[in-house]
Amino acid sequence: MTDVTIKVQENGPYLVSGAVTIVDADGTVYDVGDRKVVALCRCGGSTTKPFCDGTHSRKGFDAAERAVARLEGGKEADAEPASPPPPQH
């Protein structure tokens, strides 16, 4: 089995390398053929979603987020809760 790597391009797509199957929310499977790297849109503007078509560079996509380290239990290292937890009864 081949390892899969996802590399975040600064202000660009996710570059996915390795043997992957891409399935959308409706269950549609996208044929990626034997491509070694697939570029997935993250700006939301691509006309070929889920694939990148370069729209991010034309619309000035500026990704504010970076990958965030995770702590044990799946909590984000630098995240704060949006609101206090509900009271326990």
N, C-alpha and C. Protein backbone atom coordinates (compact mmCIF):
# COMPACT_ATOMS: atom_id res chain seq x y z
N MET A 1 0.84 -1.17 0.00
CA MET A 1 0.00 0.00 0.00
C MET A 1 0.89 1.24 0.00
N THR A 2 0.53 2.22 -0.81
CA THR A 2 1.31 3.44 -0.94
C THR A 2 0.88 4.47 0.10
N ASP A 3 1.85 5.17 0.66
CA ASP A 3 1.53 6.25 1.60
C ASP A 3 0.89 7.39 0.84
N VAL A 4 -0.01 8.09 1.52
CA VAL A 4 -0.65 9.27 0.95
C VAL A 4 -0.13 10.48 1.70
N THR A 5 0.23 11.52 0.97
CA THR A 5 0.71 12.76 1.56
C THR A 5 -0.16 13.90 1.06
N ILE A 6 -0.58 14.79 1.98
CA ILE A 6 -1.32 15.98 1.61
C ILE A 6 -0.46 17.17 1.98
N LYS A 7 -0.09 17.96 0.97
CA LYS A 7 0.75 19.13 1.19
C LYS A 7 -0.08 20.38 0.92
N VAL A 8 -0.11 21.28 1.89
CA VAL A 8 -0.85 22.52 1.75
C VAL A 8 0.05 23.53 1.03
N GLN A 9 -0.42 24.01 -0.11
CA GLN A 9 0.30 25.05 -0.84
C GLN A 9 -0.12 26.41 -0.27
N GLU A 10 0.83 27.27 -0.01
CA GLU A 10 0.49 28.59 0.51
C GLU A 10 -0.41 29.32 -0.48
N ASN A 11 -1.60 29.69 -0.02
CA ASN A 11 -2.60 30.38 -0.83
C ASN A 11 -2.93 29.63 -2.12
N GLY A 12 -2.87 28.31 -2.05
CA GLY A 12 -3.16 27.48 -3.21
C GLY A 12 -3.85 26.19 -2.80
N PRO A 13 -3.80 25.20 -3.67
CA PRO A 13 -4.54 23.96 -3.43
C PRO A 13 -3.85 23.03 -2.44
N TYR A 14 -4.58 21.97 -2.10
CA TYR A 14 -3.99 20.84 -1.39
C TYR A 14 -3.42 19.93 -2.47
N LEU A 15 -2.16 19.56 -2.35
CA LEU A 15 -1.55 18.61 -3.27
C LEU A 15 -1.55 17.25 -2.60
N VAL A 16 -2.26 16.31 -3.20
CA VAL A 16 -2.41 14.98 -2.63
C VAL A 16 -1.61 14.02 -3.49
N SER A 17 -0.66 13.33 -2.87
CA SER A 17 0.14 12.36 -3.62
C SER A 17 -0.04 10.98 -3.00
N GLY A 18 0.00 9.99 -3.85
CA GLY A 18 -0.22 8.61 -3.42
C GLY A 18 -1.49 8.07 -4.05
N ALA A 19 -1.78 6.82 -3.76
CA ALA A 19 -2.96 6.17 -4.33
C ALA A 19 -4.19 6.59 -3.54
N VAL A 20 -5.03 7.45 -4.14
CA VAL A 20 -6.23 7.94 -3.46
C VAL A 20 -7.46 7.69 -4.31
N THR A 21 -8.59 7.61 -3.63
CA THR A 21 -9.90 7.60 -4.26
C THR A 21 -10.62 8.83 -3.76
N ILE A 22 -11.16 9.63 -4.67
CA ILE A 22 -11.87 10.85 -4.28
C ILE A 22 -13.36 10.62 -4.50
N VAL A 23 -14.14 10.78 -3.43
CA VAL A 23 -15.58 10.56 -3.47
C VAL A 23 -16.24 11.81 -2.90
N ASP A 24 -17.24 12.38 -3.64
CA ASP A 24 -17.91 13.58 -3.13
C ASP A 24 -19.07 13.21 -2.21
N ALA A 25 -19.76 14.22 -1.70
CA ALA A 25 -20.85 14.03 -0.73
C ALA A 25 -22.01 13.21 -1.30
N ASP A 26 -22.16 13.21 -2.63
CA ASP A 26 -23.23 12.44 -3.27
C ASP A 26 -22.81 11.01 -3.59
N GLY A 27 -21.55 10.68 -3.29
CA GLY A 27 -21.06 9.34 -3.57
C GLY A 27 -20.42 9.19 -4.93
N THR A 28 -20.29 10.29 -5.67
CA THR A 28 -19.66 10.24 -6.98
C THR A 28 -18.16 10.01 -6.82
N VAL A 29 -17.65 9.00 -7.50
CA VAL A 29 -16.22 8.69 -7.46
C VAL A 29 -15.57 9.37 -8.65
N TYR A 30 -14.50 10.13 -8.40
CA TYR A 30 -13.78 10.84 -9.45
C TYR A 30 -12.59 10.01 -9.90
N ASP A 31 -12.49 9.79 -11.18
CA ASP A 31 -11.38 9.02 -11.75
C ASP A 31 -10.15 9.92 -11.83
N VAL A 32 -9.12 9.59 -11.08
CA VAL A 32 -7.88 10.36 -11.13
C VAL A 32 -6.82 9.64 -11.97
N GLY A 33 -7.25 8.56 -12.60
CA GLY A 33 -6.34 7.82 -13.46
C GLY A 33 -5.12 7.37 -12.70
N ASP A 34 -3.97 7.47 -13.36
CA ASP A 34 -2.73 7.06 -12.71
C ASP A 34 -1.89 8.27 -12.30
N ARG A 35 -2.57 9.41 -12.10
CA ARG A 35 -1.84 10.61 -11.68
C ARG A 35 -1.15 10.36 -10.34
N LYS A 36 0.06 10.82 -10.23
CA LYS A 36 0.82 10.67 -8.98
C LYS A 36 0.48 11.77 -7.98
N VAL A 37 0.04 12.93 -8.48
CA VAL A 37 -0.33 14.07 -7.62
C VAL A 37 -1.64 14.65 -8.13
N VAL A 38 -2.55 14.94 -7.19
CA VAL A 38 -3.83 15.55 -7.51
C VAL A 38 -3.92 16.85 -6.73
N ALA A 39 -4.30 17.95 -7.40
CA ALA A 39 -4.46 19.25 -6.74
C ALA A 39 -5.94 19.46 -6.45
N LEU A 40 -6.28 19.61 -5.17
CA LEU A 40 -7.66 19.83 -4.76
C LEU A 40 -7.88 21.28 -4.36
N CYS A 41 -8.98 21.86 -4.85
CA CYS A 41 -9.32 23.26 -4.59
C CYS A 41 -9.59 23.48 -3.11
N ARG A 42 -9.13 24.59 -2.59
CA ARG A 42 -9.52 24.99 -1.25
C ARG A 42 -9.97 26.44 -1.20
N CYS A 43 -9.96 27.12 -2.36
CA CYS A 43 -10.43 28.51 -2.39
C CYS A 43 -11.93 28.59 -2.62
N GLY A 44 -12.53 27.51 -3.14
CA GLY A 44 -13.95 27.48 -3.40
C GLY A 44 -14.35 28.02 -4.76
N GLY A 45 -13.41 28.52 -5.55
CA GLY A 45 -13.74 29.15 -6.81
C GLY A 45 -13.55 28.30 -8.05
N SER A 46 -12.99 27.13 -7.91
CA SER A 46 -12.69 26.30 -9.07
C SER A 46 -13.97 25.90 -9.82
N THR A 47 -13.90 25.89 -11.14
CA THR A 47 -15.02 25.40 -11.94
C THR A 47 -14.90 23.89 -12.18
N THR A 48 -13.82 23.30 -11.67
CA THR A 48 -13.61 21.86 -11.82
C THR A 48 -13.54 21.17 -10.46
N LYS A 49 -14.29 21.70 -9.47
CA LYS A 49 -14.27 21.13 -8.13
C LYS A 49 -14.55 19.63 -8.19
N PRO A 50 -13.89 18.85 -7.40
CA PRO A 50 -13.05 19.22 -6.27
C PRO A 50 -11.61 19.55 -6.66
N PHE A 51 -11.33 19.56 -7.96
CA PHE A 51 -9.97 19.79 -8.42
C PHE A 51 -9.68 21.27 -8.60
N CYS A 52 -8.43 21.65 -8.43
CA CYS A 52 -7.99 23.03 -8.59
C CYS A 52 -7.87 23.36 -10.08
N ASP A 53 -8.35 24.55 -10.46
CA ASP A 53 -8.18 25.00 -11.84
C ASP A 53 -7.37 26.30 -11.91
N GLY A 54 -6.75 26.70 -10.81
CA GLY A 54 -5.92 27.91 -10.79
C GLY A 54 -6.67 29.18 -10.44
N THR A 55 -7.98 29.08 -10.19
CA THR A 55 -8.79 30.27 -9.87
C THR A 55 -8.24 31.02 -8.67
N HIS A 56 -7.65 30.33 -7.71
CA HIS A 56 -7.12 30.97 -6.50
C HIS A 56 -6.15 32.09 -6.84
N SER A 57 -5.36 31.92 -7.87
CA SER A 57 -4.37 32.95 -8.23
C SER A 57 -5.03 34.16 -8.89
N ARG A 58 -6.12 33.93 -9.61
CA ARG A 58 -6.82 35.04 -10.27
C ARG A 58 -7.69 35.83 -9.30
N LYS A 59 -8.21 35.17 -8.27
CA LYS A 59 -9.09 35.88 -7.34
C LYS A 59 -8.37 36.35 -6.08
N GLY A 60 -7.07 36.11 -6.00
CA GLY A 60 -6.29 36.59 -4.87
C GLY A 60 -6.58 35.86 -3.58
N PHE A 61 -6.81 34.54 -3.67
CA PHE A 61 -7.09 33.72 -2.49
C PHE A 61 -5.98 33.89 -1.47
N ASP A 62 -6.36 34.19 -0.24
CA ASP A 62 -5.41 34.38 0.86
C ASP A 62 -5.84 33.48 2.01
N ALA A 63 -5.17 32.37 2.15
CA ALA A 63 -5.51 31.40 3.19
C ALA A 63 -5.01 31.89 4.54
N ALA A 64 -5.91 32.14 5.44
CA ALA A 64 -5.53 32.63 6.76
C ALA A 64 -5.08 31.50 7.67
N GLU A 65 -5.57 30.30 7.39
CA GLU A 65 -5.29 29.19 8.32
C GLU A 65 -4.01 28.46 7.98
N ARG A 66 -3.48 27.87 8.99
CA ARG A 66 -2.33 26.98 8.90
C ARG A 66 -2.73 25.67 9.56
N ALA A 67 -1.99 24.64 9.30
CA ALA A 67 -2.23 23.39 10.00
C ALA A 67 -2.03 23.63 11.49
N VAL A 68 -2.86 23.03 12.30
CA VAL A 68 -2.80 23.23 13.74
C VAL A 68 -2.41 21.92 14.40
N ALA A 69 -1.43 21.98 15.30
CA ALA A 69 -1.01 20.78 16.01
C ALA A 69 -2.15 20.28 16.88
N ARG A 70 -2.30 18.98 16.99
CA ARG A 70 -3.33 18.37 17.81
C ARG A 70 -2.72 17.82 19.09
N LEU A 71 -3.47 17.97 20.17
CA LEU A 71 -3.08 17.38 21.44
C LEU A 71 -3.77 16.03 21.57
N GLU A 72 -3.43 15.27 22.59
CA GLU A 72 -4.12 14.01 22.83
C GLU A 72 -5.60 14.29 23.01
N GLY A 73 -6.43 13.38 22.53
CA GLY A 73 -7.87 13.56 22.65
C GLY A 73 -8.46 14.36 21.51
N GLY A 74 -7.63 14.77 20.52
CA GLY A 74 -8.14 15.46 19.36
C GLY A 74 -8.39 16.94 19.54
N LYS A 75 -7.98 17.52 20.65
CA LYS A 75 -8.18 18.95 20.87
C LYS A 75 -7.09 19.72 20.16
N GLU A 76 -7.44 20.89 19.60
CA GLU A 76 -6.45 21.72 18.94
C GLU A 76 -5.56 22.38 19.97
N ALA A 77 -4.29 22.48 19.67
CA ALA A 77 -3.31 23.00 20.62
C ALA A 77 -3.57 24.46 20.97
N ASP A 78 -4.00 25.25 20.00
CA ASP A 78 -4.15 26.67 20.27
C ASP A 78 -5.61 27.13 20.16
N ALA A 79 -6.54 26.20 20.21
CA ALA A 79 -7.95 26.56 20.08
C ALA A 79 -8.57 26.80 21.45
N GLU A 80 -9.51 27.72 21.48
CA GLU A 80 -10.29 27.97 22.68
C GLU A 80 -11.73 27.62 22.36
N PRO A 81 -12.49 27.13 23.34
CA PRO A 81 -13.87 26.80 23.07
C PRO A 81 -14.67 28.05 22.66
N ALA A 82 -15.60 27.86 21.73
CA ALA A 82 -16.41 28.97 21.24
C ALA A 82 -17.35 29.47 22.32
N SER A 83 -17.83 28.59 23.17
CA SER A 83 -18.73 28.97 24.26
C SER A 83 -18.56 27.95 25.38
N PRO A 84 -18.95 28.33 26.61
CA PRO A 84 -18.80 27.39 27.70
C PRO A 84 -19.69 26.17 27.49
N PRO A 85 -19.28 25.02 28.02
CA PRO A 85 -20.11 23.83 27.86
C PRO A 85 -21.44 24.00 28.62
N PRO A 86 -22.49 23.29 28.16
CA PRO A 86 -23.78 23.41 28.86
C PRO A 86 -23.67 22.80 30.25
N PRO A 87 -24.51 23.28 31.20
CA PRO A 87 -24.45 22.71 32.56
C PRO A 87 -24.88 21.26 32.56
N GLN A 88 -24.25 20.48 33.40
CA GLN A 88 -24.59 19.07 33.57
C GLN A 88 -25.67 18.92 34.62
N HIS A 89 -26.71 18.17 34.35
CA HIS A 89 -27.79 17.95 35.32
C HIS A 89 -27.73 16.57 35.87
